[in-house]
């Protein structure tokens, strides 16, 4: 069926038929009745999708036979997620700055070719550029030091060390995979969708130390007090 965009989706699948048993007659159950046929897994596929499938489910393709890709689901994409830099958007040169991007699975309902579908996006990778010429890819968005039960300025899987003081701009792009439910269960869609978050300004300071004879309480005007 063609939609307003002039495209058509069809559903195709394969079915494996087991070899016949030694005796062709159906085996009876204890009460003498024949074994029930398994439920058709594609019975819930909505019109105008057509399916003839078995235990392996369905596959959605375009009229040209191309599989439905994640670009077809871009309008269902999650909103960009801001990245927080601990502590409070500032850091110390030579010590870890902790980055946290709180992206989670995102489910949205909508229509494709005027048919109701449910789309689910799951974050699988986080690409962060730190603004100092370096970048990193992590499998998670990280946790705050408090959530990880770590003191401040300790390394985490998503932390980064700036070597020089200054102001840097960091950006995290979240990569998502997608699944679609046409009414008979979830199936994966090929590809990844990248959603870049807003830029985050990080101010890095330089820490200095000095030896003093007295404490600041004893001599408030001493160096470093």
C-alpha atoms as a PDB file:
ATOM      1  CA  UNK A   1       0.000   0.000   0.000  1.00  0.00           C
ATOM      2  CA  UNK A   2       1.447   3.404  -0.958  1.00  0.00           C
ATOM      3  CA  UNK A   3       1.394   6.234   1.596  1.00  0.00           C
ATOM      4  CA  UNK A   4       1.496   9.995   1.309  1.00  0.00           C
ATOM      5  CA  UNK A   5       5.223   9.773   0.767  1.00  0.00           C
ATOM      6  CA  UNK A   6       4.742   7.554  -2.269  1.00  0.00           C
ATOM      7  CA  UNK A   7       6.398   4.568  -0.583  1.00  0.00           C
ATOM      8  CA  UNK A   8       5.098   1.120   0.117  1.00  0.00           C
ATOM      9  CA  UNK A   9       6.001  -1.312   2.865  1.00  0.00           C
ATOM     10  CA  UNK A  10       5.579  -5.054   2.606  1.00  0.00           C
ATOM     11  CA  UNK A  11       6.294  -7.796   5.082  1.00  0.00           C
ATOM     12  CA  UNK A  12       8.211 -10.883   4.021  1.00  0.00           C
ATOM     13  CA  UNK A  13       9.410 -13.920   5.939  1.00  0.00           C
ATOM     14  CA  UNK A  14      10.506 -17.506   5.618  1.00  0.00           C
ATOM     15  CA  UNK A  15       9.085 -20.658   7.159  1.00  0.00           C
ATOM     16  CA  UNK A  16      10.799 -23.947   7.777  1.00  0.00           C
ATOM     17  CA  UNK A  17       8.622 -27.033   7.289  1.00  0.00           C
ATOM     18  CA  UNK A  18       9.770 -30.087   9.287  1.00  0.00           C
ATOM     19  CA  UNK A  19      10.301 -33.366   7.487  1.00  0.00           C
ATOM     20  CA  UNK A  20       7.333 -35.790   7.692  1.00  0.00           C
ATOM     21  CA  UNK A  21       7.367 -38.389  10.419  1.00  0.00           C
ATOM     22  CA  UNK A  22       7.670 -42.054   9.729  1.00  0.00           C
ATOM     23  CA  UNK A  23       3.908 -42.481   9.802  1.00  0.00           C
ATOM     24  CA  UNK A  24       1.849 -39.902   7.938  1.00  0.00           C
ATOM     25  CA  UNK A  25      -1.152 -40.201  10.236  1.00  0.00           C
ATOM     26  CA  UNK A  26      -1.367 -37.526  12.948  1.00  0.00           C
ATOM     27  CA  UNK A  27      -0.384 -38.760  16.352  1.00  0.00           C
ATOM     28  CA  UNK A  28      -3.259 -38.783  18.744  1.00  0.00           C
ATOM     29  CA  UNK A  29      -3.362 -37.259  22.170  1.00  0.00           C
ATOM     30  CA  UNK A  30      -4.431 -39.215  25.213  1.00  0.00           C
ATOM     31  CA  UNK A  31      -8.056 -38.382  24.579  1.00  0.00           C
ATOM     32  CA  UNK A  32      -7.768 -39.490  20.954  1.00  0.00           C
ATOM     33  CA  UNK A  33      -7.854 -36.005  19.417  1.00  0.00           C
ATOM     34  CA  UNK A  34      -5.165 -34.663  17.084  1.00  0.00           C
ATOM     35  CA  UNK A  35      -2.425 -32.371  18.376  1.00  0.00           C
ATOM     36  CA  UNK A  36      -3.412 -28.683  18.042  1.00  0.00           C
ATOM     37  CA  UNK A  37      -1.667 -26.606  15.406  1.00  0.00           C
ATOM     38  CA  UNK A  38       0.750 -23.969  16.738  1.00  0.00           C
ATOM     39  CA  UNK A  39      -0.550 -20.404  16.789  1.00  0.00           C
ATOM     40  CA  UNK A  40       0.279 -18.325  13.734  1.00  0.00           C
ATOM     41  CA  UNK A  41       2.947 -15.825  14.933  1.00  0.00           C
ATOM     42  CA  UNK A  42       1.971 -13.362  12.202  1.00  0.00           C
ATOM     43  CA  UNK A  43      -1.756 -13.352  12.927  1.00  0.00           C
ATOM     44  CA  UNK A  44      -1.450  -9.947  14.612  1.00  0.00           C
ATOM     45  CA  UNK A  45       0.197  -8.223  11.636  1.00  0.00           C
ATOM     46  CA  UNK A  46      -2.174  -5.355  10.727  1.00  0.00           C
ATOM     47  CA  UNK A  47      -3.621  -4.726   7.265  1.00  0.00           C
ATOM     48  CA  UNK A  48      -2.283  -3.833   4.696  1.00  0.00           C
ATOM     49  CA  UNK A  49       0.866  -5.684   5.756  1.00  0.00           C
ATOM     50  CA  UNK A  50       0.828  -9.208   4.425  1.00  0.00           C
ATOM     51  CA  UNK A  51       2.717 -12.044   6.018  1.00  0.00           C
ATOM     52  CA  UNK A  52       3.171 -15.732   5.617  1.00  0.00           C
ATOM     53  CA  UNK A  53       5.651 -16.679   8.260  1.00  0.00           C
ATOM     54  CA  UNK A  54       6.521 -19.103  10.975  1.00  0.00           C
ATOM     55  CA  UNK A  55       8.523 -19.109  14.146  1.00  0.00           C
ATOM     56  CA  UNK A  56      11.092 -16.641  12.782  1.00  0.00           C
ATOM     57  CA  UNK A  57       8.700 -13.691  12.637  1.00  0.00           C
ATOM     58  CA  UNK A  58       8.552 -10.981   9.965  1.00  0.00           C
ATOM     59  CA  UNK A  59      10.778  -8.613   8.048  1.00  0.00           C
ATOM     60  CA  UNK A  60       9.645  -5.230   6.755  1.00  0.00           C
ATOM     61  CA  UNK A  61      10.836  -4.062   3.347  1.00  0.00           C
ATOM     62  CA  UNK A  62      10.060  -1.292   0.912  1.00  0.00           C
ATOM     63  CA  UNK A  63       8.395  -1.870  -2.449  1.00  0.00           C
ATOM     64  CA  UNK A  64      11.867  -2.241  -3.985  1.00  0.00           C
ATOM     65  CA  UNK A  65      12.807  -4.934  -1.507  1.00  0.00           C
ATOM     66  CA  UNK A  66      15.086  -2.687   0.573  1.00  0.00           C
ATOM     67  CA  UNK A  67      14.849  -3.261   4.331  1.00  0.00           C
ATOM     68  CA  UNK A  68      13.374  -0.583   6.557  1.00  0.00           C
ATOM     69  CA  UNK A  69      16.352   1.380   7.958  1.00  0.00           C
ATOM     70  CA  UNK A  70      16.808   3.621  10.926  1.00  0.00           C
ATOM     71  CA  UNK A  71      16.704   6.710   8.708  1.00  0.00           C
ATOM     72  CA  UNK A  72      13.022   5.922   8.080  1.00  0.00           C
ATOM     73  CA  UNK A  73      12.474   6.329  11.832  1.00  0.00           C
ATOM     74  CA  UNK A  74      14.355   9.613  12.284  1.00  0.00           C
ATOM     75  CA  UNK A  75      11.213  11.560  13.131  1.00  0.00           C
ATOM     76  CA  UNK A  76      10.731   9.313  16.181  1.00  0.00           C
ATOM     77  CA  UNK A  77      14.257  10.128  17.438  1.00  0.00           C
ATOM     78  CA  UNK A  78      14.907  10.892  21.125  1.00  0.00           C
ATOM     79  CA  UNK A  79      15.546  14.488  22.136  1.00  0.00           C
ATOM     80  CA  UNK A  80      19.208  15.566  22.465  1.00  0.00           C
ATOM     81  CA  UNK A  81      20.611  14.902  25.929  1.00  0.00           C
ATOM     82  CA  UNK A  82      22.819  17.450  27.687  1.00  0.00           C
ATOM     83  CA  UNK A  83      26.119  16.304  29.180  1.00  0.00           C
ATOM     84  CA  UNK A  84      27.037  17.379  32.705  1.00  0.00           C
ATOM     85  CA  UNK A  85      30.669  17.901  33.713  1.00  0.00           C
ATOM     86  CA  UNK A  86      31.550  17.445  37.373  1.00  0.00           C
ATOM     87  CA  UNK A  87      32.120  19.299  39.530  1.00  0.00           C
ATOM     88  CA  UNK A  88      29.673  21.992  38.396  1.00  0.00           C
ATOM     89  CA  UNK A  89      31.092  22.573  34.926  1.00  0.00           C
ATOM     90  CA  UNK A  90      34.586  23.337  36.228  1.00  0.00           C
ATOM     91  CA  UNK A  91      37.724  21.275  36.706  1.00  0.00           C
ATOM     92  CA  UNK A  92      41.372  21.312  37.662  1.00  0.00           C
ATOM     93  CA  UNK A  93      44.173  20.863  35.163  1.00  0.00           C
ATOM     94  CA  UNK A  94      45.835  17.485  35.624  1.00  0.00           C
ATOM     95  CA  UNK A  95      42.872  15.990  37.544  1.00  0.00           C
ATOM     96  CA  UNK A  96      39.857  14.051  36.182  1.00  0.00           C
ATOM     97  CA  UNK A  97      36.721  15.912  35.143  1.00  0.00           C
ATOM     98  CA  UNK A  98      33.741  13.552  35.234  1.00  0.00           C
ATOM     99  CA  UNK A  99      31.257  13.590  32.308  1.00  0.00           C
ATOM    100  CA  UNK A 100      27.730  12.196  32.699  1.00  0.00           C
ATOM    101  CA  UNK A 101      25.163  11.848  29.888  1.00  0.00           C
ATOM    102  CA  UNK A 102      21.838  10.538  31.197  1.00  0.00           C
ATOM    103  CA  UNK A 103      20.438   8.928  28.032  1.00  0.00           C
ATOM    104  CA  UNK A 104      18.027   6.014  28.480  1.00  0.00           C
ATOM    105  CA  UNK A 105      15.812   3.826  26.306  1.00  0.00           C
ATOM    106  CA  UNK A 106      13.159   5.884  24.509  1.00  0.00           C
ATOM    107  CA  UNK A 107       9.806   4.513  23.279  1.00  0.00           C
ATOM    108  CA  UNK A 108       7.393   6.459  21.089  1.00  0.00           C
ATOM    109  CA  UNK A 109       4.187   5.651  19.260  1.00  0.00           C
ATOM    110  CA  UNK A 110       3.289   7.041  15.865  1.00  0.00           C
ATOM    111  CA  UNK A 111       2.353   6.083  12.318  1.00  0.00           C
ATOM    112  CA  UNK A 112       4.163   4.833   9.233  1.00  0.00           C
ATOM    113  CA  UNK A 113       2.048   4.830   6.063  1.00  0.00           C
ATOM    114  CA  UNK A 114      -0.925   5.767   8.269  1.00  0.00           C
ATOM    115  CA  UNK A 115      -0.505   2.607  10.363  1.00  0.00           C
ATOM    116  CA  UNK A 116       0.111   2.626  14.097  1.00  0.00           C
ATOM    117  CA  UNK A 117       3.604   1.528  15.155  1.00  0.00           C
ATOM    118  CA  UNK A 118       5.694   1.676  18.312  1.00  0.00           C
ATOM    119  CA  UNK A 119       9.392   2.522  18.007  1.00  0.00           C
ATOM    120  CA  UNK A 120      11.974   1.873  20.715  1.00  0.00           C
ATOM    121  CA  UNK A 121      15.457   3.438  20.710  1.00  0.00           C
ATOM    122  CA  UNK A 122      18.223   2.081  22.959  1.00  0.00           C
ATOM    123  CA  UNK A 123      21.508   3.970  23.543  1.00  0.00           C
ATOM    124  CA  UNK A 124      24.521   1.798  22.706  1.00  0.00           C
ATOM    125  CA  UNK A 125      27.477   4.205  22.470  1.00  0.00           C
ATOM    126  CA  UNK A 126      28.484   7.695  23.618  1.00  0.00           C
ATOM    127  CA  UNK A 127      30.966   9.716  21.522  1.00  0.00           C
ATOM    128  CA  UNK A 128      32.392  12.711  23.394  1.00  0.00           C
ATOM    129  CA  UNK A 129      34.693  15.403  22.025  1.00  0.00           C
ATOM    130  CA  UNK A 130      36.328  17.283  24.891  1.00  0.00           C
ATOM    131  CA  UNK A 131      37.340  20.478  23.089  1.00  0.00           C
ATOM    132  CA  UNK A 132      41.071  19.976  23.588  1.00  0.00           C
ATOM    133  CA  UNK A 133      41.605  17.951  20.419  1.00  0.00           C
ATOM    134  CA  UNK A 134      40.794  14.604  22.036  1.00  0.00           C
ATOM    135  CA  UNK A 135      37.699  12.406  22.031  1.00  0.00           C
ATOM    136  CA  UNK A 136      36.475   9.130  23.521  1.00  0.00           C
ATOM    137  CA  UNK A 137      33.755   6.537  22.948  1.00  0.00           C
ATOM    138  CA  UNK A 138      32.143   4.775  25.901  1.00  0.00           C
ATOM    139  CA  UNK A 139      29.451   2.121  26.210  1.00  0.00           C
ATOM    140  CA  UNK A 140      27.541   4.042  28.899  1.00  0.00           C
ATOM    141  CA  UNK A 141      26.779   7.643  29.736  1.00  0.00           C
ATOM    142  CA  UNK A 142      28.560   7.352  33.076  1.00  0.00           C
ATOM    143  CA  UNK A 143      27.554   8.014  36.679  1.00  0.00           C
ATOM    144  CA  UNK A 144      28.116  10.889  39.054  1.00  0.00           C
ATOM    145  CA  UNK A 145      30.847  10.540  41.654  1.00  0.00           C
ATOM    146  CA  UNK A 146      28.155  10.372  44.337  1.00  0.00           C
ATOM    147  CA  UNK A 147      26.270   7.570  42.556  1.00  0.00           C
ATOM    148  CA  UNK A 148      29.529   5.657  42.078  1.00  0.00           C
ATOM    149  CA  UNK A 149      30.490   6.243  45.738  1.00  0.00           C
ATOM    150  CA  UNK A 150      33.742   7.885  44.686  1.00  0.00           C
ATOM    151  CA  UNK A 151      35.403  11.077  45.946  1.00  0.00           C
ATOM    152  CA  UNK A 152      35.662  14.039  43.605  1.00  0.00           C
ATOM    153  CA  UNK A 153      38.539  14.243  41.131  1.00  0.00           C
ATOM    154  CA  UNK A 154      38.955  10.458  40.926  1.00  0.00           C
ATOM    155  CA  UNK A 155      38.952   8.603  37.568  1.00  0.00           C
ATOM    156  CA  UNK A 156      35.732   7.102  36.179  1.00  0.00           C
ATOM    157  CA  UNK A 157      35.002   5.279  32.895  1.00  0.00           C
ATOM    158  CA  UNK A 158      33.721   8.587  31.460  1.00  0.00           C
ATOM    159  CA  UNK A 159      36.173  11.077  33.008  1.00  0.00           C
ATOM    160  CA  UNK A 160      38.760  13.141  31.145  1.00  0.00           C
ATOM    161  CA  UNK A 161      41.915  14.935  32.219  1.00  0.00           C
ATOM    162  CA  UNK A 162      42.580  18.408  30.795  1.00  0.00           C
ATOM    163  CA  UNK A 163      46.278  19.235  30.829  1.00  0.00           C
ATOM    164  CA  UNK A 164      46.034  23.024  30.614  1.00  0.00           C
ATOM    165  CA  UNK A 165      43.807  25.634  32.158  1.00  0.00           C
ATOM    166  CA  UNK A 166      41.299  27.400  29.943  1.00  0.00           C
ATOM    167  CA  UNK A 167      37.719  27.133  28.694  1.00  0.00           C
ATOM    168  CA  UNK A 168      36.769  24.114  26.583  1.00  0.00           C
ATOM    169  CA  UNK A 169      33.616  23.107  24.725  1.00  0.00           C
ATOM    170  CA  UNK A 170      32.550  19.476  25.083  1.00  0.00           C
ATOM    171  CA  UNK A 171      29.835  17.707  23.061  1.00  0.00           C
ATOM    172  CA  UNK A 172      28.478  14.172  23.469  1.00  0.00           C
ATOM    173  CA  UNK A 173      26.715  12.366  20.621  1.00  0.00           C
ATOM    174  CA  UNK A 174      24.550   9.411  21.626  1.00  0.00           C
ATOM    175  CA  UNK A 175      24.220   6.503  19.193  1.00  0.00           C
ATOM    176  CA  UNK A 176      20.960   4.540  19.274  1.00  0.00           C
ATOM    177  CA  UNK A 177      19.745   1.260  17.790  1.00  0.00           C
ATOM    178  CA  UNK A 178      16.043   0.847  17.050  1.00  0.00           C
ATOM    179  CA  UNK A 179      13.278  -1.727  17.203  1.00  0.00           C
ATOM    180  CA  UNK A 180       9.750  -1.538  15.788  1.00  0.00           C
ATOM    181  CA  UNK A 181       6.549  -3.201  16.948  1.00  0.00           C
ATOM    182  CA  UNK A 182       3.903  -3.563  14.216  1.00  0.00           C
ATOM    183  CA  UNK A 183       1.511  -5.302  16.568  1.00  0.00           C
ATOM    184  CA  UNK A 184       3.100  -8.740  16.824  1.00  0.00           C
ATOM    185  CA  UNK A 185       6.285  -8.069  18.829  1.00  0.00           C
ATOM    186  CA  UNK A 186       9.606  -6.257  18.478  1.00  0.00           C
ATOM    187  CA  UNK A 187      12.038  -6.701  15.603  1.00  0.00           C
ATOM    188  CA  UNK A 188      15.332  -4.821  15.057  1.00  0.00           C
ATOM    189  CA  UNK A 189      15.840  -2.191  12.372  1.00  0.00           C
ATOM    190  CA  UNK A 190      19.187  -1.971  10.598  1.00  0.00           C
ATOM    191  CA  UNK A 191      21.569   0.897  11.354  1.00  0.00           C
ATOM    192  CA  UNK A 192      22.304   3.406  14.103  1.00  0.00           C
ATOM    193  CA  UNK A 193      20.876   6.865  14.758  1.00  0.00           C
ATOM    194  CA  UNK A 194      23.234   9.531  16.136  1.00  0.00           C
ATOM    195  CA  UNK A 195      21.823  12.398  18.204  1.00  0.00           C
ATOM    196  CA  UNK A 196      24.262  15.159  19.175  1.00  0.00           C
ATOM    197  CA  UNK A 197      23.666  16.902  22.487  1.00  0.00           C
ATOM    198  CA  UNK A 198      24.118  20.621  23.185  1.00  0.00           C
ATOM    199  CA  UNK A 199      27.619  22.014  23.691  1.00  0.00           C
ATOM    200  CA  UNK A 200      28.844  22.156  27.271  1.00  0.00           C
ATOM    201  CA  UNK A 201      31.339  24.838  28.371  1.00  0.00           C
ATOM    202  CA  UNK A 202      34.006  23.589  30.806  1.00  0.00           C
ATOM    203  CA  UNK A 203      36.246  25.982  32.746  1.00  0.00           C
ATOM    204  CA  UNK A 204      39.537  24.391  33.805  1.00  0.00           C
ATOM    205  CA  UNK A 205      41.597  26.040  36.532  1.00  0.00           C
ATOM    206  CA  UNK A 206      45.183  25.509  37.586  1.00  0.00           C
ATOM    207  CA  UNK A 207      45.819  24.477  41.184  1.00  0.00           C
ATOM    208  CA  UNK A 208      48.903  25.739  43.007  1.00  0.00           C
ATOM    209  CA  UNK A 209      50.270  24.962  46.448  1.00  0.00           C
ATOM    210  CA  UNK A 210      52.639  26.726  48.823  1.00  0.00           C
ATOM    211  CA  UNK A 211      54.452  25.770  52.009  1.00  0.00           C
ATOM    212  CA  UNK A 212      53.617  27.996  54.974  1.00  0.00           C
ATOM    213  CA  UNK A 213      54.792  28.069  58.541  1.00  0.00           C
ATOM    214  CA  UNK A 214      51.385  28.630  60.081  1.00  0.00           C
ATOM    215  CA  UNK A 215      47.851  27.509  59.354  1.00  0.00           C
ATOM    216  CA  UNK A 216      45.326  29.953  57.934  1.00  0.00           C
ATOM    217  CA  UNK A 217      43.625  30.063  61.326  1.00  0.00           C
ATOM    218  CA  UNK A 218      46.893  30.978  62.970  1.00  0.00           C
ATOM    219  CA  UNK A 219      47.938  33.489  60.308  1.00  0.00           C
ATOM    220  CA  UNK A 220      45.032  34.459  57.993  1.00  0.00           C
ATOM    221  CA  UNK A 221      47.267  36.685  55.892  1.00  0.00           C
ATOM    222  CA  UNK A 222      49.698  33.873  55.048  1.00  0.00           C
ATOM    223  CA  UNK A 223      50.216  32.842  51.408  1.00  0.00           C
ATOM    224  CA  UNK A 224      47.349  30.724  50.127  1.00  0.00           C
ATOM    225  CA  UNK A 225      44.886  31.796  52.853  1.00  0.00           C
END
